[in-house]
Amino acid sequence: MARVKLPPSITHHPETGIGGWDRLFFVKRFKAYATPEGMDEAVEPSGFNTVMPWTMYGGMREEDLGAIYKYLRTVPAVNRKIEKHTPPPKAP
């Protein structure tokens, strides 16, 4: 049976989630992708892409992003080991 990789936690767990983020940081993190530069940010071949739809949420109002942050603080914290994708080695 194939092992399923779980996504990172967006709960407020301090080590494996967004527990170190305050409301302002949370909102600014999304709003950074609302600019043309943020929307066109390319991922290097050796870099890591994310499944988080930053640009889709980045266009939301700050009040709405703040409400999402407030809601996420009510979800029980989950301590989940984060496994990042490792790109394959470069071909010779």
C-alpha atoms as a PDB file:
ATOM      1  CA  MET A   1       0.000   0.000   0.000  1.00  0.00           C
ATOM      2  CA  ALA A   2       1.339   3.446  -0.903  1.00  0.00           C
ATOM      3  CA  ARG A   3       2.104   5.812   1.937  1.00  0.00           C
ATOM      4  CA  VAL A   4       0.054   9.001   1.855  1.00  0.00           C
ATOM      5  CA  LYS A   5       1.864  12.239   2.640  1.00  0.00           C
ATOM      6  CA  LEU A   6      -0.188  14.511   4.835  1.00  0.00           C
ATOM      7  CA  PRO A   7      -0.185  18.255   4.229  1.00  0.00           C
ATOM      8  CA  PRO A   8       1.380  20.593   6.787  1.00  0.00           C
ATOM      9  CA  SER A   9      -0.844  21.669   9.649  1.00  0.00           C
ATOM     10  CA  ILE A  10      -2.488  25.092   9.520  1.00  0.00           C
ATOM     11  CA  THR A  11      -3.548  24.756  13.137  1.00  0.00           C
ATOM     12  CA  HIS A  12      -1.944  26.876  15.833  1.00  0.00           C
ATOM     13  CA  HIS A  13       0.571  24.211  16.872  1.00  0.00           C
ATOM     14  CA  PRO A  14       3.773  26.125  17.712  1.00  0.00           C
ATOM     15  CA  GLU A  15       6.194  23.683  16.049  1.00  0.00           C
ATOM     16  CA  THR A  16       4.380  22.068  13.131  1.00  0.00           C
ATOM     17  CA  GLY A  17       1.651  24.593  12.451  1.00  0.00           C
ATOM     18  CA  ILE A  18       1.194  28.346  12.300  1.00  0.00           C
ATOM     19  CA  GLY A  19       1.260  28.849  16.059  1.00  0.00           C
ATOM     20  CA  GLY A  20       4.067  31.391  15.752  1.00  0.00           C
ATOM     21  CA  TRP A  21       2.043  33.573  13.384  1.00  0.00           C
ATOM     22  CA  ASP A  22       0.044  36.482  14.744  1.00  0.00           C
ATOM     23  CA  ARG A  23      -2.952  37.922  12.918  1.00  0.00           C
ATOM     24  CA  LEU A  24      -0.917  40.653  11.224  1.00  0.00           C
ATOM     25  CA  PHE A  25       1.704  38.212   9.918  1.00  0.00           C
ATOM     26  CA  PHE A  26      -1.036  35.829   8.697  1.00  0.00           C
ATOM     27  CA  VAL A  27      -2.791  38.584   6.737  1.00  0.00           C
ATOM     28  CA  LYS A  28       0.453  40.009   5.311  1.00  0.00           C
ATOM     29  CA  ARG A  29       1.602  36.553   4.207  1.00  0.00           C
ATOM     30  CA  PHE A  30      -1.455  36.227   1.977  1.00  0.00           C
ATOM     31  CA  LYS A  31      -1.525  39.856   0.848  1.00  0.00           C
ATOM     32  CA  ALA A  32       2.055  39.512  -0.431  1.00  0.00           C
ATOM     33  CA  TYR A  33       0.622  37.357  -3.221  1.00  0.00           C
ATOM     34  CA  ALA A  34      -2.014  39.931  -4.219  1.00  0.00           C
ATOM     35  CA  THR A  35       0.572  41.999  -6.095  1.00  0.00           C
ATOM     36  CA  PRO A  36       1.571  41.353  -9.715  1.00  0.00           C
ATOM     37  CA  GLU A  37       5.049  40.393  -8.495  1.00  0.00           C
ATOM     38  CA  GLY A  38       3.640  37.921  -5.984  1.00  0.00           C
ATOM     39  CA  MET A  39       1.314  36.380  -8.542  1.00  0.00           C
ATOM     40  CA  ASP A  40       4.173  35.805 -10.986  1.00  0.00           C
ATOM     41  CA  GLU A  41       6.612  34.353  -8.462  1.00  0.00           C
ATOM     42  CA  ALA A  42       8.304  31.392 -10.097  1.00  0.00           C
ATOM     43  CA  VAL A  43       9.505  28.294  -8.316  1.00  0.00           C
ATOM     44  CA  GLU A  44      13.074  27.317  -9.116  1.00  0.00           C
ATOM     45  CA  PRO A  45      13.532  23.750 -10.426  1.00  0.00           C
ATOM     46  CA  SER A  46      15.238  22.801  -7.159  1.00  0.00           C
ATOM     47  CA  GLY A  47      12.711  24.730  -5.067  1.00  0.00           C
ATOM     48  CA  PHE A  48       9.566  23.682  -3.300  1.00  0.00           C
ATOM     49  CA  ASN A  49       6.103  24.480  -4.559  1.00  0.00           C
ATOM     50  CA  THR A  50       3.178  24.761  -2.211  1.00  0.00           C
ATOM     51  CA  VAL A  51      -0.376  23.499  -2.424  1.00  0.00           C
ATOM     52  CA  MET A  52      -1.576  26.592  -0.575  1.00  0.00           C
ATOM     53  CA  PRO A  53      -3.548  28.818  -2.988  1.00  0.00           C
ATOM     54  CA  TRP A  54      -1.808  32.023  -1.815  1.00  0.00           C
ATOM     55  CA  THR A  55      -2.880  34.120  -4.817  1.00  0.00           C
ATOM     56  CA  MET A  56      -6.526  33.073  -4.573  1.00  0.00           C
ATOM     57  CA  TYR A  57      -6.746  34.147  -0.932  1.00  0.00           C
ATOM     58  CA  GLY A  58      -4.428  37.128  -1.372  1.00  0.00           C
ATOM     59  CA  GLY A  59      -7.178  39.069  -3.109  1.00  0.00           C
ATOM     60  CA  MET A  60      -9.472  38.786  -0.110  1.00  0.00           C
ATOM     61  CA  ARG A  61     -10.133  41.731   2.188  1.00  0.00           C
ATOM     62  CA  GLU A  62      -7.930  41.962   5.268  1.00  0.00           C
ATOM     63  CA  GLU A  63     -11.009  41.650   7.470  1.00  0.00           C
ATOM     64  CA  ASP A  64     -11.929  38.338   5.830  1.00  0.00           C
ATOM     65  CA  LEU A  65      -8.398  36.973   6.157  1.00  0.00           C
ATOM     66  CA  GLY A  66      -8.476  38.036   9.793  1.00  0.00           C
ATOM     67  CA  ALA A  67     -11.704  36.096  10.257  1.00  0.00           C
ATOM     68  CA  ILE A  68     -10.058  32.988   8.783  1.00  0.00           C
ATOM     69  CA  TYR A  69      -7.144  33.450  11.195  1.00  0.00           C
ATOM     70  CA  LYS A  70      -9.546  33.820  14.105  1.00  0.00           C
ATOM     71  CA  TYR A  71     -11.364  30.636  13.094  1.00  0.00           C
ATOM     72  CA  LEU A  72      -8.129  28.658  12.712  1.00  0.00           C
ATOM     73  CA  ARG A  73      -7.214  29.591  16.286  1.00  0.00           C
ATOM     74  CA  THR A  74     -10.331  27.675  17.438  1.00  0.00           C
ATOM     75  CA  VAL A  75      -9.303  24.436  15.698  1.00  0.00           C
ATOM     76  CA  PRO A  76      -7.426  22.031  17.994  1.00  0.00           C
ATOM     77  CA  ALA A  77      -3.657  22.166  17.412  1.00  0.00           C
ATOM     78  CA  VAL A  78      -2.233  19.230  15.480  1.00  0.00           C
ATOM     79  CA  ASN A  79       1.364  18.102  15.896  1.00  0.00           C
ATOM     80  CA  ARG A  80       2.101  16.688  12.466  1.00  0.00           C
ATOM     81  CA  LYS A  81       5.541  15.873  11.115  1.00  0.00           C
ATOM     82  CA  ILE A  82       6.151  17.919   7.980  1.00  0.00           C
ATOM     83  CA  GLU A  83       7.631  16.002   5.072  1.00  0.00           C
ATOM     84  CA  LYS A  84       8.881  18.164   2.241  1.00  0.00           C
ATOM     85  CA  HIS A  85       9.112  16.892  -1.286  1.00  0.00           C
ATOM     86  CA  THR A  86      12.687  16.276  -2.371  1.00  0.00           C
ATOM     87  CA  PRO A  87      13.290  17.046  -6.030  1.00  0.00           C
ATOM     88  CA  PRO A  88      14.915  14.271  -8.064  1.00  0.00           C
ATOM     89  CA  PRO A  89      18.649  14.608  -8.692  1.00  0.00           C
ATOM     90  CA  LYS A  90      19.665  16.516 -11.799  1.00  0.00           C
ATOM     91  CA  ALA A  91      20.362  14.385 -14.846  1.00  0.00           C
ATOM     92  CA  PRO A  92      24.007  14.387 -15.991  1.00  0.00           C
END
